[in-house]
Amino acid sequence: MTETVSDTQADIAVVSIAQPLEMIADELGRSFAEYGFAVIRDHGIPQDLIERAEAKSREFFALPEAVKRAYKLEGGGGARGYTPFGTEKAKDAEIFDLKEFWHVGRTLPEGHQLSEFMAPNIWPDEVEGFEAVFSDLFAAFETAGLRVLEAIALHLGLERDFFAPTVEDGNSVMRLLHYPPLGPDAPEGAIRAAAHGDINTITLLLGAEEAGLELLTKQGEWRAVDVPEGALVINVGDMLERLTNGRLRSTTHRVVNPRGEAARRSRYSMPFFLHFRPDYVIEPLASCVGDDEDAPEPISSHDFLMQRLREINLA
C-alpha cells in the first residue's frame, strides 16, 4: 500500500488569541474537531525569552554524551532530566525515534499534597542560567495554555474558567527536543518522531516552523502542518479527547526526516504537554455523550498517564 502524503496545508485554524476569545472559540473548536490541531499567533510568550531558551537548549545538547547521560534519572520514566537518543518508541512502533530530549516539570513547594506525583526538577550545572530561563518559559507556556483552554471551554458551552481548577498544579511537562543530523547509521525505517498521539490535555509546540510535522487526517492522508514564524502549534491530547468523548480529536502525527541539506543539520523544538491534575478524574462531559452513545469509564489523570507511558517505553 502506497502512503498518501499531501503538501497542501490542511484547513487548520490560524488565529490570534490576543482578540476576544468569544470571536475565535468556535473556529478553534472546529479545527480541533476536524484535525485535532490549530495554530495560534500573539500567544504572549516573549520573543526574547524564546530566543534565550533556544540558545540554552542548543548549549545543553552540544555537551559531551557522558555529561548529558549523568542527568539521566533511572526509574523516573524520563519525567525529569535527560533521555538519551534512541530511548523513546512510539506506541506499537518497532524502531526507536531519532531524538534526545530534556524534561522540565512543575516545581512544587515542600509538603504539597501532589508531591508524590511530581519529582523535583534537576538542572545541568554546565549551562549557566538554564534553570532561570526554563522556569520562566514553563510559566509562560502555562499562561498561554490556560487561554487556549478558556477558548475550548467557550466552544464546548462550559463556563469560561471550567478548566482552571482541572489543571491547577497539573503534572505538565516541557520537553526540549533535539533531532540530530541524520547519519548513515540510522536504522532502516526510523524517523525523527514516529506516528503517535499525545497523552495529555493539550500540547503547545514552539519550533515547528521547519518542515517535517505532519498530521493524519480523517481520510487517512498525511498532511504537512504549515506554521507561520513565531506561532505556536496546538494539538488535542488523549485526555481531552476522552473528556469530550471524541468530540475533539487527539490526532496521530509525526515528524518525518528531511531531505537534502536539511538532513545534515539538527532540528530543535520545545513542546509543552499541559496536563490535568493527577487527582482529576476524567469523566466524559454529559454534553458530549449522546443518548445512544457509549462513553469510556472514568479514570484518574495519573492512572491514565501511567497506562500510556508503559505503552511508549517510558515507564
Protein backbone atom coordinates (compact mmCIF):
# COMPACT_ATOMS: atom_id res chain seq x y z
CA MET A 1 0.00 0.00 0.00
CA THR A 2 1.42 3.39 -1.02
CA GLU A 3 1.22 6.08 1.61
CA THR A 4 -0.57 9.26 0.55
CA VAL A 5 1.15 12.49 1.56
CA SER A 6 -0.18 15.92 0.68
CA ASP A 7 1.95 19.05 0.75
CA THR A 8 -1.15 21.21 0.86
CA GLN A 9 -1.84 22.93 4.16
CA ALA A 10 -4.83 21.34 5.85
CA ASP A 11 -7.67 23.72 6.66
CA ILE A 12 -6.31 24.27 10.15
CA ALA A 13 -7.35 27.36 12.09
CA VAL A 14 -4.67 30.05 12.37
CA VAL A 15 -5.90 32.61 14.87
CA SER A 16 -4.68 35.34 17.18
CA ILE A 17 -5.56 34.74 20.81
CA ALA A 18 -4.98 38.41 21.63
CA GLN A 19 -8.52 39.13 20.44
CA PRO A 20 -11.67 38.37 22.48
CA LEU A 21 -11.90 34.60 22.79
CA GLU A 22 -15.61 34.61 22.02
CA MET A 23 -14.66 35.64 18.47
CA ILE A 24 -12.37 32.67 17.84
CA ALA A 25 -13.61 29.90 20.16
CA ASP A 26 -15.75 28.15 17.55
CA GLU A 27 -13.09 28.46 14.86
CA LEU A 28 -10.61 26.78 17.19
CA GLY A 29 -13.20 24.18 18.19
CA ARG A 30 -13.96 23.34 14.56
CA SER A 31 -10.27 22.90 13.84
CA PHE A 32 -9.77 20.66 16.88
CA ALA A 33 -12.84 18.60 15.97
CA GLU A 34 -11.75 18.06 12.36
CA TYR A 35 -7.95 17.96 12.59
CA GLY A 36 -7.05 17.92 16.30
CA PHE A 37 -4.71 20.83 15.54
CA ALA A 38 -4.75 24.62 15.41
CA VAL A 39 -2.12 27.36 15.16
CA ILE A 40 -2.15 30.43 17.39
CA ARG A 41 -0.47 33.79 16.95
CA ASP A 42 0.01 36.55 19.55
CA HIS A 43 0.37 33.88 22.24
CA GLY A 44 2.11 36.17 24.71
CA ILE A 45 5.38 34.26 25.11
CA PRO A 46 8.08 36.96 24.74
CA GLN A 47 10.32 36.51 21.70
CA ASP A 48 13.46 37.31 23.68
CA LEU A 49 12.60 34.51 26.15
CA ILE A 50 12.10 32.10 23.24
CA GLU A 51 15.48 33.04 21.79
CA ARG A 52 17.25 32.63 25.13
CA ALA A 53 15.58 29.24 25.63
CA GLU A 54 16.62 28.08 22.15
CA ALA A 55 20.22 29.11 22.87
CA LYS A 56 20.27 27.28 26.22
CA SER A 57 18.77 24.16 24.63
CA ARG A 58 21.45 24.11 21.93
CA GLU A 59 24.12 24.65 24.55
CA PHE A 60 22.95 21.67 26.58
CA PHE A 61 22.66 19.25 23.67
CA ALA A 62 26.14 20.23 22.48
CA LEU A 63 27.63 18.88 25.73
CA PRO A 64 29.59 15.61 25.62
CA GLU A 65 27.46 12.47 25.72
CA ALA A 66 28.87 11.37 29.08
CA VAL A 67 27.98 14.72 30.65
CA LYS A 68 24.40 14.57 29.36
CA ARG A 69 23.95 10.95 30.47
CA ALA A 70 24.88 11.94 34.01
CA TYR A 71 21.48 13.66 34.12
CA LYS A 72 19.51 10.56 33.17
CA LEU A 73 17.41 9.53 36.15
CA GLU A 74 16.99 5.78 36.40
CA GLY A 75 13.49 4.66 37.29
CA GLY A 76 11.99 8.07 36.65
CA GLY A 77 10.32 7.20 33.36
CA GLY A 78 12.04 10.17 31.74
CA ALA A 79 9.80 12.62 33.65
CA ARG A 80 12.74 14.81 34.64
CA GLY A 81 16.21 15.42 33.27
CA TYR A 82 17.77 13.78 30.22
CA THR A 83 16.50 10.99 27.98
CA PRO A 84 19.24 9.73 25.62
CA PHE A 85 18.98 9.27 21.87
CA GLY A 86 17.25 6.04 20.90
CA THR A 87 15.20 5.58 24.09
CA GLU A 88 11.63 6.54 23.22
CA LYS A 89 9.48 4.49 20.87
CA ALA A 90 6.01 5.46 19.69
CA LYS A 91 3.17 3.15 20.70
CA ASP A 92 3.27 -0.02 18.55
CA ALA A 93 6.46 1.16 16.79
CA GLU A 94 9.27 -1.35 16.22
CA ILE A 95 12.07 1.22 15.90
CA PHE A 96 13.09 3.99 18.30
CA ASP A 97 12.70 7.68 17.43
CA LEU A 98 15.76 9.62 16.23
CA LYS A 99 15.82 12.14 19.06
CA GLU A 100 17.11 13.03 22.51
CA PHE A 101 15.36 15.30 24.99
CA TRP A 102 15.29 17.03 28.38
CA HIS A 103 12.20 17.34 30.59
CA VAL A 104 11.31 20.21 32.91
CA GLY A 105 8.29 19.69 35.15
CA ARG A 106 6.38 21.66 37.73
CA THR A 107 8.22 22.76 40.87
CA LEU A 108 6.01 22.21 43.91
CA PRO A 109 6.61 23.63 47.39
CA GLU A 110 7.79 21.17 50.00
CA GLY A 111 4.92 19.22 51.55
CA HIS A 112 2.50 19.89 48.69
CA GLN A 113 -0.35 17.37 48.54
CA LEU A 114 0.61 16.34 44.97
CA SER A 115 4.34 15.93 45.63
CA GLU A 116 4.10 12.14 45.38
CA PHE A 117 3.18 12.52 41.70
CA MET A 118 5.88 15.01 40.68
CA ALA A 119 9.59 14.54 41.25
CA PRO A 120 11.78 17.59 41.86
CA ASN A 121 13.43 19.10 38.80
CA ILE A 122 17.12 18.67 38.16
CA TRP A 123 19.24 21.25 36.34
CA PRO A 124 22.52 20.95 34.41
CA ASP A 125 25.36 22.76 36.18
CA GLU A 126 27.24 23.14 32.89
CA VAL A 127 24.73 25.56 31.31
CA GLU A 128 24.61 28.91 33.12
CA GLY A 129 21.13 30.36 33.53
CA PHE A 130 19.38 27.15 32.41
CA GLU A 131 17.08 26.94 35.44
CA ALA A 132 16.01 30.60 35.33
CA VAL A 133 15.27 30.62 31.60
CA PHE A 134 13.27 27.41 31.55
CA SER A 135 11.38 28.20 34.74
CA ASP A 136 10.23 31.43 33.06
CA LEU A 137 9.35 29.61 29.84
CA PHE A 138 7.37 26.94 31.74
CA ALA A 139 5.28 29.68 33.37
CA ALA A 140 4.75 31.48 30.03
CA PHE A 141 3.65 28.26 28.34
CA GLU A 142 1.18 27.63 31.13
CA THR A 143 -0.35 31.09 30.80
CA ALA A 144 -0.79 30.65 27.04
CA GLY A 145 -2.24 27.17 27.55
CA LEU A 146 -4.82 28.42 30.03
CA ARG A 147 -6.01 30.97 27.48
CA VAL A 148 -6.43 28.24 24.85
CA LEU A 149 -8.37 26.14 27.37
CA GLU A 150 -10.67 29.11 28.04
CA ALA A 151 -11.46 29.23 24.32
CA ILE A 152 -12.11 25.47 24.29
CA ALA A 153 -14.44 25.82 27.28
CA LEU A 154 -16.42 28.53 25.49
CA HIS A 155 -16.68 26.34 22.39
CA LEU A 156 -18.00 23.43 24.49
CA GLY A 157 -20.62 25.65 26.14
CA LEU A 158 -18.90 25.49 29.53
CA GLU A 159 -18.03 28.28 31.93
CA ARG A 160 -15.00 30.16 30.62
CA ASP A 161 -12.85 29.13 33.60
CA PHE A 162 -14.04 25.49 33.67
CA PHE A 163 -10.56 24.09 33.05
CA ALA A 164 -8.65 26.28 35.53
CA PRO A 165 -9.16 24.01 38.58
CA THR A 166 -8.70 20.84 36.49
CA VAL A 167 -5.14 21.83 35.52
CA GLU A 168 -4.09 23.75 38.63
CA ASP A 169 -0.81 22.20 39.82
CA GLY A 170 -1.15 19.69 36.99
CA ASN A 171 1.65 17.35 36.00
CA SER A 172 2.62 19.43 32.95
CA VAL A 173 5.97 18.78 31.28
CA MET A 174 8.11 20.94 28.99
CA ARG A 175 10.30 18.99 26.60
CA LEU A 176 13.46 20.33 24.98
CA LEU A 177 13.93 18.27 21.83
CA HIS A 178 16.99 17.71 19.70
CA TYR A 179 16.84 15.74 16.47
CA PRO A 180 20.50 15.24 15.45
CA PRO A 181 21.65 15.31 11.83
CA LEU A 182 20.70 12.10 10.05
CA GLY A 183 23.70 9.82 9.80
CA PRO A 184 24.30 6.82 7.56
CA ASP A 185 23.97 4.52 10.58
CA ALA A 186 20.31 5.40 11.28
CA PRO A 187 18.18 2.22 11.46
CA GLU A 188 16.23 1.49 8.32
CA GLY A 189 12.70 2.85 8.63
CA ALA A 190 13.47 5.09 11.62
CA ILE A 191 12.19 8.67 11.59
CA ARG A 192 12.58 11.60 13.94
CA ALA A 193 9.24 11.00 15.64
CA ALA A 194 7.12 8.05 14.56
CA ALA A 195 3.35 8.31 14.26
CA HIS A 196 1.82 8.87 17.70
CA GLY A 197 -0.87 10.68 19.64
CA ASP A 198 -0.14 12.84 22.69
CA ILE A 199 -1.23 11.61 26.10
CA ASN A 200 -2.01 14.90 27.82
CA THR A 201 -4.74 17.56 27.71
CA ILE A 202 -3.33 19.92 25.08
CA THR A 203 0.16 20.36 23.65
CA LEU A 204 1.72 23.71 22.79
CA LEU A 205 4.66 23.46 20.39
CA LEU A 206 7.39 26.03 19.74
CA GLY A 207 9.81 25.48 16.89
CA ALA A 208 7.63 23.82 14.26
CA GLU A 209 8.38 26.35 11.52
CA GLU A 210 10.83 23.96 9.85
CA ALA A 211 9.08 21.41 7.64
CA GLY A 212 8.55 17.90 8.98
CA LEU A 213 5.47 17.96 11.23
CA GLU A 214 2.58 16.04 9.67
CA LEU A 215 -0.88 15.02 10.89
CA LEU A 216 -3.11 12.15 9.79
CA THR A 217 -6.49 13.34 8.53
CA LYS A 218 -9.81 11.54 8.97
CA GLN A 219 -9.44 10.50 5.33
CA GLY A 220 -6.18 8.69 6.12
CA GLU A 221 -3.89 11.19 4.39
CA TRP A 222 -0.76 12.67 5.91
CA ARG A 223 -0.86 16.47 5.78
CA ALA A 224 2.02 18.86 6.40
CA VAL A 225 1.36 21.45 9.11
CA ASP A 226 2.50 24.85 7.86
CA VAL A 227 3.43 27.20 10.70
CA PRO A 228 3.97 30.97 10.45
CA GLU A 229 7.16 32.31 12.03
CA GLY A 230 6.77 32.73 15.79
CA ALA A 231 3.41 30.95 16.05
CA LEU A 232 2.51 28.08 18.37
CA VAL A 233 1.06 24.79 17.17
CA ILE A 234 -1.67 23.48 19.49
CA ASN A 235 -2.98 19.94 19.43
CA VAL A 236 -5.52 17.97 21.43
CA GLY A 237 -4.21 15.15 23.62
CA ASP A 238 -5.80 11.83 24.57
CA MET A 239 -7.03 13.16 27.92
CA LEU A 240 -9.09 15.95 26.34
CA GLU A 241 -10.37 13.58 23.65
CA ARG A 242 -11.57 11.24 26.41
CA LEU A 243 -13.18 14.11 28.35
CA THR A 244 -15.09 15.23 25.24
CA ASN A 245 -15.93 11.64 24.20
CA GLY A 246 -14.12 12.14 20.91
CA ARG A 247 -15.76 15.46 20.00
CA LEU A 248 -12.28 17.00 19.98
CA ARG A 249 -9.71 14.71 18.33
CA SER A 250 -6.33 13.55 19.56
CA THR A 251 -4.82 13.18 16.12
CA THR A 252 -1.98 10.90 15.11
CA HIS A 253 1.02 12.96 14.00
CA ARG A 254 4.71 12.51 13.25
CA VAL A 255 7.95 14.33 12.42
CA VAL A 256 9.39 12.98 9.17
CA ASN A 257 13.01 13.04 8.10
CA PRO A 258 14.06 15.97 5.92
CA ARG A 259 15.86 15.56 2.62
CA GLY A 260 18.90 17.22 1.11
CA GLU A 261 20.79 19.83 3.12
CA ALA A 262 18.21 19.87 5.94
CA ALA A 263 19.05 16.22 6.72
CA ARG A 264 22.59 17.27 7.62
CA ARG A 265 21.61 19.74 10.33
CA SER A 266 19.98 19.43 13.72
CA ARG A 267 16.37 20.28 14.40
CA TYR A 268 15.26 21.73 17.75
CA SER A 269 11.78 22.26 19.16
CA MET A 270 10.07 22.74 22.52
CA PRO A 271 6.66 21.15 23.16
CA PHE A 272 4.77 21.85 26.38
CA PHE A 273 2.50 18.98 27.42
CA LEU A 274 -0.22 20.57 29.54
CA HIS A 275 -1.76 18.03 31.92
CA PHE A 276 -4.73 17.78 34.22
CA ARG A 277 -4.04 17.48 37.94
CA PRO A 278 -3.01 13.89 38.80
CA ASP A 279 -6.10 13.51 41.00
CA TYR A 280 -8.54 14.89 38.42
CA VAL A 281 -10.99 12.20 37.31
CA ILE A 282 -11.50 12.22 33.55
CA GLU A 283 -15.20 11.50 33.09
CA PRO A 284 -16.78 12.35 29.72
CA LEU A 285 -18.80 15.57 29.80
CA ALA A 286 -22.53 14.85 29.81
CA SER A 287 -22.99 17.33 26.94
CA CYS A 288 -20.61 15.22 24.81
CA VAL A 289 -22.40 11.91 25.31
CA GLY A 290 -25.48 11.24 23.18
CA ASP A 291 -28.40 9.14 24.37
CA ASP A 292 -27.35 6.17 22.24
CA GLU A 293 -23.60 6.57 22.75
CA ASP A 294 -21.23 4.66 24.96
CA ALA A 295 -18.62 6.57 26.93
CA PRO A 296 -15.32 5.43 28.43
CA GLU A 297 -15.20 4.70 32.15
CA PRO A 298 -13.95 7.44 34.49
CA ILE A 299 -10.21 7.26 35.21
CA SER A 300 -7.84 9.48 37.14
CA SER A 301 -5.42 11.57 35.14
CA HIS A 302 -2.48 9.86 36.88
CA ASP A 303 -3.66 6.32 36.14
CA PHE A 304 -4.30 7.27 32.52
CA LEU A 305 -0.81 8.77 32.21
CA MET A 306 0.95 5.73 33.66
CA GLN A 307 -1.00 3.41 31.38
CA ARG A 308 0.14 5.37 28.34
CA LEU A 309 3.77 5.76 29.48
CA ARG A 310 4.11 2.00 29.73
CA GLU A 311 2.97 1.77 26.11
CA ILE A 312 5.77 4.06 24.84
CA ASN A 313 8.65 2.53 26.77
CA LEU A 314 8.94 5.35 29.35
CA ALA A 315 7.54 3.58 32.41
